């Protein structure tokens, strides 16, 4: 039996920071974002994801609290024509400092 290790949000944030032009997208609601987010993240709540106006080819690294909303957001963004979108899980597992 093989077990595949999921990439951690911490590794994915580092990958985002090392990817030219990448955007770290927090899809939690605005009040959640204001209570603390990963430095450099942009807030685009899942409830308003259709209003995202970033270039369609820009790499997007998407997170939420636990990973459920980020997976939904990736699905919606993909249907909207975004080509390079990745769910990186939930901030609950993030080990770095938060920004308010």
N, C-alpha and C. Protein backbone atom coordinates (compact mmCIF):
# COMPACT_ATOMS: atom_id res chain seq x y z
N UNK A 1 0.83 -1.17 0.00
CA UNK A 1 0.00 0.00 0.00
C UNK A 1 0.89 1.25 0.00
N UNK A 2 0.56 2.21 -0.87
CA UNK A 2 1.34 3.44 -0.98
C UNK A 2 0.53 4.61 -0.44
N UNK A 3 1.20 5.48 0.24
CA UNK A 3 0.56 6.69 0.73
C UNK A 3 1.27 7.87 0.07
N UNK A 4 0.48 8.77 -0.46
CA UNK A 4 1.05 9.94 -1.10
C UNK A 4 0.93 11.11 -0.14
N UNK A 5 2.02 11.78 0.07
CA UNK A 5 2.03 12.93 0.96
C UNK A 5 1.49 14.13 0.20
N UNK A 6 0.45 14.75 0.76
CA UNK A 6 -0.07 15.97 0.18
C UNK A 6 0.89 17.11 0.46
N UNK A 7 1.06 17.96 -0.50
CA UNK A 7 1.90 19.13 -0.28
C UNK A 7 1.25 19.99 0.80
N UNK A 8 2.05 20.56 1.65
CA UNK A 8 1.49 21.40 2.72
C UNK A 8 1.24 22.80 2.20
N UNK A 9 0.36 23.51 2.87
CA UNK A 9 0.10 24.90 2.51
C UNK A 9 1.38 25.71 2.65
N UNK A 10 2.22 25.35 3.61
CA UNK A 10 3.47 26.07 3.82
C UNK A 10 4.39 25.94 2.60
N UNK A 11 4.50 24.74 2.06
CA UNK A 11 5.30 24.53 0.85
C UNK A 11 4.68 25.27 -0.34
N UNK A 12 3.35 25.25 -0.42
CA UNK A 12 2.66 25.90 -1.54
C UNK A 12 2.81 27.42 -1.48
N UNK A 13 2.79 28.00 -0.29
CA UNK A 13 2.99 29.44 -0.17
C UNK A 13 4.39 29.80 -0.65
N UNK A 14 5.35 28.99 -0.29
CA UNK A 14 6.73 29.21 -0.75
C UNK A 14 6.80 29.09 -2.27
N UNK A 15 6.13 28.08 -2.83
CA UNK A 15 6.09 27.92 -4.29
C UNK A 15 5.46 29.16 -4.95
N UNK A 16 4.39 29.64 -4.36
CA UNK A 16 3.72 30.84 -4.88
C UNK A 16 4.68 32.02 -4.89
N UNK A 17 5.38 32.21 -3.81
CA UNK A 17 6.32 33.33 -3.70
C UNK A 17 7.47 33.21 -4.69
N UNK A 18 7.78 32.00 -5.10
CA UNK A 18 8.86 31.78 -6.06
C UNK A 18 8.38 31.68 -7.50
N UNK A 19 7.08 31.85 -7.74
CA UNK A 19 6.51 31.78 -9.08
C UNK A 19 6.25 33.20 -9.58
N UNK A 20 6.96 33.62 -10.62
CA UNK A 20 6.78 34.99 -11.12
C UNK A 20 5.32 35.28 -11.48
N UNK A 21 4.81 36.40 -10.97
CA UNK A 21 3.47 36.84 -11.29
C UNK A 21 2.35 36.12 -10.56
N UNK A 22 2.68 35.18 -9.69
CA UNK A 22 1.64 34.40 -9.00
C UNK A 22 0.90 35.25 -7.99
N UNK A 23 -0.37 34.86 -7.76
CA UNK A 23 -1.23 35.53 -6.79
C UNK A 23 -1.66 34.51 -5.75
N UNK A 24 -1.54 34.89 -4.49
CA UNK A 24 -2.02 34.09 -3.37
C UNK A 24 -3.43 34.59 -3.07
N UNK A 25 -4.42 33.75 -3.31
CA UNK A 25 -5.82 34.15 -3.24
C UNK A 25 -6.50 33.50 -2.05
N UNK A 26 -6.98 34.33 -1.12
CA UNK A 26 -7.70 33.87 0.07
C UNK A 26 -9.19 33.99 -0.24
N UNK A 27 -9.91 32.87 -0.26
CA UNK A 27 -11.33 32.89 -0.65
C UNK A 27 -12.26 32.85 0.56
N UNK A 28 -11.73 33.15 1.74
CA UNK A 28 -12.60 33.27 2.91
C UNK A 28 -13.33 34.61 2.83
N UNK A 29 -14.36 34.75 3.65
CA UNK A 29 -15.12 36.00 3.66
C UNK A 29 -14.25 37.14 4.21
N UNK A 30 -14.63 38.38 3.90
CA UNK A 30 -13.84 39.56 4.26
C UNK A 30 -13.54 39.65 5.75
N UNK A 31 -14.51 39.32 6.60
CA UNK A 31 -14.28 39.39 8.04
C UNK A 31 -13.24 38.36 8.49
N UNK A 32 -13.25 37.19 7.86
CA UNK A 32 -12.24 36.17 8.17
C UNK A 32 -10.86 36.65 7.74
N UNK A 33 -10.80 37.24 6.56
CA UNK A 33 -9.55 37.76 6.02
C UNK A 33 -8.97 38.83 6.94
N UNK A 34 -9.83 39.74 7.40
CA UNK A 34 -9.38 40.82 8.29
C UNK A 34 -8.88 40.29 9.63
N UNK A 35 -9.38 39.15 10.05
CA UNK A 35 -8.95 38.61 11.34
C UNK A 35 -7.55 37.99 11.28
N UNK A 36 -7.02 37.80 10.09
CA UNK A 36 -5.67 37.28 9.92
C UNK A 36 -5.55 36.50 8.62
N UNK A 37 -4.54 36.83 7.83
CA UNK A 37 -4.32 36.16 6.55
C UNK A 37 -2.83 36.02 6.29
N UNK A 38 -2.49 35.20 5.33
CA UNK A 38 -1.10 35.00 4.96
C UNK A 38 -0.60 36.28 4.30
N UNK A 39 0.55 36.80 4.73
CA UNK A 39 1.08 38.03 4.15
C UNK A 39 1.15 37.96 2.61
N UNK A 40 0.67 39.02 1.98
CA UNK A 40 0.70 39.11 0.53
C UNK A 40 -0.54 38.57 -0.15
N UNK A 41 -1.44 37.96 0.62
CA UNK A 41 -2.65 37.38 0.03
C UNK A 41 -3.63 38.47 -0.39
N UNK A 42 -4.41 38.14 -1.41
CA UNK A 42 -5.48 38.99 -1.91
C UNK A 42 -6.79 38.29 -1.55
N UNK A 43 -7.76 39.06 -1.06
CA UNK A 43 -9.04 38.48 -0.66
C UNK A 43 -10.03 38.52 -1.82
N UNK A 44 -10.60 37.38 -2.14
CA UNK A 44 -11.66 37.24 -3.14
C UNK A 44 -12.60 36.17 -2.60
N UNK A 45 -13.58 36.56 -1.77
CA UNK A 45 -14.47 35.58 -1.15
C UNK A 45 -15.14 34.65 -2.16
N UNK A 46 -15.27 33.40 -1.79
CA UNK A 46 -15.93 32.43 -2.66
C UNK A 46 -17.32 32.93 -3.06
N UNK A 47 -18.01 33.60 -2.14
CA UNK A 47 -19.36 34.09 -2.43
C UNK A 47 -19.39 35.14 -3.54
N UNK A 48 -18.22 35.71 -3.88
CA UNK A 48 -18.14 36.72 -4.93
C UNK A 48 -17.05 36.38 -5.95
N UNK A 49 -16.70 35.12 -6.05
CA UNK A 49 -15.55 34.71 -6.88
C UNK A 49 -15.73 35.09 -8.36
N UNK A 50 -16.97 35.20 -8.80
CA UNK A 50 -17.21 35.56 -10.19
C UNK A 50 -16.75 36.98 -10.51
N UNK A 51 -16.46 37.78 -9.49
CA UNK A 51 -16.02 39.16 -9.70
C UNK A 51 -14.50 39.29 -9.84
N UNK A 52 -13.77 38.19 -9.75
CA UNK A 52 -12.32 38.22 -9.92
C UNK A 52 -11.99 38.68 -11.33
N UNK A 53 -11.07 39.63 -11.44
CA UNK A 53 -10.73 40.19 -12.75
C UNK A 53 -9.23 40.12 -13.03
N UNK A 54 -8.57 39.12 -12.52
CA UNK A 54 -7.14 38.93 -12.78
C UNK A 54 -6.95 38.36 -14.19
N UNK A 55 -5.78 38.55 -14.78
CA UNK A 55 -5.52 37.93 -16.08
C UNK A 55 -5.70 36.41 -16.00
N UNK A 56 -6.33 35.84 -17.02
CA UNK A 56 -6.70 34.41 -17.01
C UNK A 56 -5.49 33.47 -16.96
N UNK A 57 -4.32 33.93 -17.38
CA UNK A 57 -3.15 33.05 -17.39
C UNK A 57 -2.26 33.23 -16.16
N UNK A 58 -2.64 34.11 -15.26
CA UNK A 58 -1.85 34.36 -14.05
C UNK A 58 -1.95 33.16 -13.11
N UNK A 59 -0.83 32.66 -12.57
CA UNK A 59 -0.89 31.55 -11.62
C UNK A 59 -1.60 31.97 -10.33
N UNK A 60 -2.62 31.21 -9.93
CA UNK A 60 -3.38 31.50 -8.71
C UNK A 60 -3.21 30.35 -7.73
N UNK A 61 -2.80 30.68 -6.51
CA UNK A 61 -2.67 29.72 -5.43
C UNK A 61 -3.78 30.07 -4.44
N UNK A 62 -4.76 29.18 -4.31
CA UNK A 62 -6.00 29.49 -3.60
C UNK A 62 -6.08 28.74 -2.27
N UNK A 63 -6.41 29.49 -1.21
CA UNK A 63 -6.60 28.86 0.10
C UNK A 63 -7.83 29.42 0.80
N UNK A 64 -8.27 28.70 1.84
CA UNK A 64 -9.40 29.14 2.67
C UNK A 64 -9.07 28.74 4.11
N UNK A 65 -10.06 28.32 4.87
CA UNK A 65 -9.79 27.91 6.25
C UNK A 65 -9.28 26.48 6.32
N UNK A 66 -10.01 25.55 5.69
CA UNK A 66 -9.64 24.13 5.77
C UNK A 66 -9.37 23.49 4.40
N UNK A 67 -9.75 24.13 3.32
CA UNK A 67 -9.50 23.58 1.99
C UNK A 67 -10.75 23.33 1.17
N UNK A 68 -11.91 23.31 1.80
CA UNK A 68 -13.15 23.03 1.09
C UNK A 68 -13.52 24.15 0.13
N UNK A 69 -13.53 25.37 0.63
CA UNK A 69 -13.88 26.50 -0.24
C UNK A 69 -12.84 26.74 -1.31
N UNK A 70 -11.58 26.48 -1.00
CA UNK A 70 -10.55 26.70 -2.03
C UNK A 70 -10.73 25.71 -3.18
N UNK A 71 -11.14 24.48 -2.89
CA UNK A 71 -11.40 23.52 -3.97
C UNK A 71 -12.59 23.97 -4.81
N UNK A 72 -13.63 24.47 -4.15
CA UNK A 72 -14.79 24.99 -4.90
C UNK A 72 -14.40 26.18 -5.76
N UNK A 73 -13.59 27.07 -5.19
CA UNK A 73 -13.15 28.25 -5.93
C UNK A 73 -12.34 27.85 -7.17
N UNK A 74 -11.46 26.87 -7.02
CA UNK A 74 -10.67 26.41 -8.17
C UNK A 74 -11.59 25.90 -9.27
N UNK A 75 -12.61 25.15 -8.89
CA UNK A 75 -13.57 24.64 -9.87
C UNK A 75 -14.26 25.79 -10.60
N UNK A 76 -14.72 26.78 -9.86
CA UNK A 76 -15.40 27.92 -10.48
C UNK A 76 -14.46 28.74 -11.34
N UNK A 77 -13.26 28.99 -10.83
CA UNK A 77 -12.29 29.78 -11.59
C UNK A 77 -11.91 29.08 -12.89
N UNK A 78 -11.78 27.78 -12.83
CA UNK A 78 -11.47 27.00 -14.03
C UNK A 78 -12.59 27.14 -15.06
N UNK A 79 -13.83 27.05 -14.59
CA UNK A 79 -14.97 27.25 -15.50
C UNK A 79 -15.01 28.67 -16.07
N UNK A 80 -14.45 29.62 -15.33
CA UNK A 80 -14.40 31.01 -15.79
C UNK A 80 -13.26 31.24 -16.78
N UNK A 81 -12.44 30.23 -17.01
CA UNK A 81 -11.37 30.35 -17.99
C UNK A 81 -9.98 30.52 -17.43
N UNK A 82 -9.84 30.50 -16.10
CA UNK A 82 -8.50 30.60 -15.52
C UNK A 82 -7.75 29.30 -15.80
N UNK A 83 -6.50 29.44 -16.22
CA UNK A 83 -5.75 28.30 -16.74
C UNK A 83 -4.77 27.68 -15.75
N UNK A 84 -4.35 28.43 -14.76
CA UNK A 84 -3.29 27.95 -13.86
C UNK A 84 -3.72 28.23 -12.42
N UNK A 85 -4.64 27.39 -11.91
CA UNK A 85 -5.24 27.59 -10.59
C UNK A 85 -5.00 26.35 -9.74
N UNK A 86 -4.61 26.57 -8.48
CA UNK A 86 -4.27 25.45 -7.62
C UNK A 86 -4.81 25.68 -6.21
N UNK A 87 -5.56 24.72 -5.68
CA UNK A 87 -6.00 24.78 -4.29
C UNK A 87 -4.84 24.31 -3.42
N UNK A 88 -4.49 25.13 -2.43
CA UNK A 88 -3.36 24.77 -1.57
C UNK A 88 -3.79 24.44 -0.15
N UNK A 89 -5.10 24.35 0.08
CA UNK A 89 -5.58 23.90 1.38
C UNK A 89 -6.05 25.02 2.28
N UNK A 90 -5.87 24.82 3.58
CA UNK A 90 -6.41 25.74 4.56
C UNK A 90 -5.39 26.42 5.43
N UNK A 91 -5.69 27.67 5.76
CA UNK A 91 -4.83 28.48 6.61
C UNK A 91 -4.68 27.86 8.00
N UNK A 92 -5.60 27.01 8.38
CA UNK A 92 -5.54 26.37 9.69
C UNK A 92 -4.25 25.56 9.86
N UNK A 93 -3.64 25.13 8.73
CA UNK A 93 -2.40 24.35 8.78
C UNK A 93 -1.15 25.21 8.53
N UNK A 94 -1.35 26.49 8.29
CA UNK A 94 -0.23 27.39 7.97
C UNK A 94 0.59 27.67 9.22
N UNK A 95 1.90 27.57 9.10
CA UNK A 95 2.80 27.73 10.24
C UNK A 95 3.49 29.09 10.31
N UNK A 96 3.34 29.90 9.28
CA UNK A 96 4.02 31.19 9.25
C UNK A 96 3.25 32.29 9.97
N UNK A 97 3.79 33.50 9.93
CA UNK A 97 3.12 34.63 10.57
C UNK A 97 1.88 35.05 9.78
N UNK A 98 0.93 35.65 10.46
CA UNK A 98 -0.27 36.17 9.82
C UNK A 98 -0.24 37.68 9.82
N UNK A 99 -0.91 38.25 8.86
CA UNK A 99 -1.02 39.69 8.73
C UNK A 99 -2.46 40.09 9.04
N UNK A 100 -2.66 41.23 9.64
CA UNK A 100 -4.02 41.73 9.92
C UNK A 100 -4.22 43.06 9.29
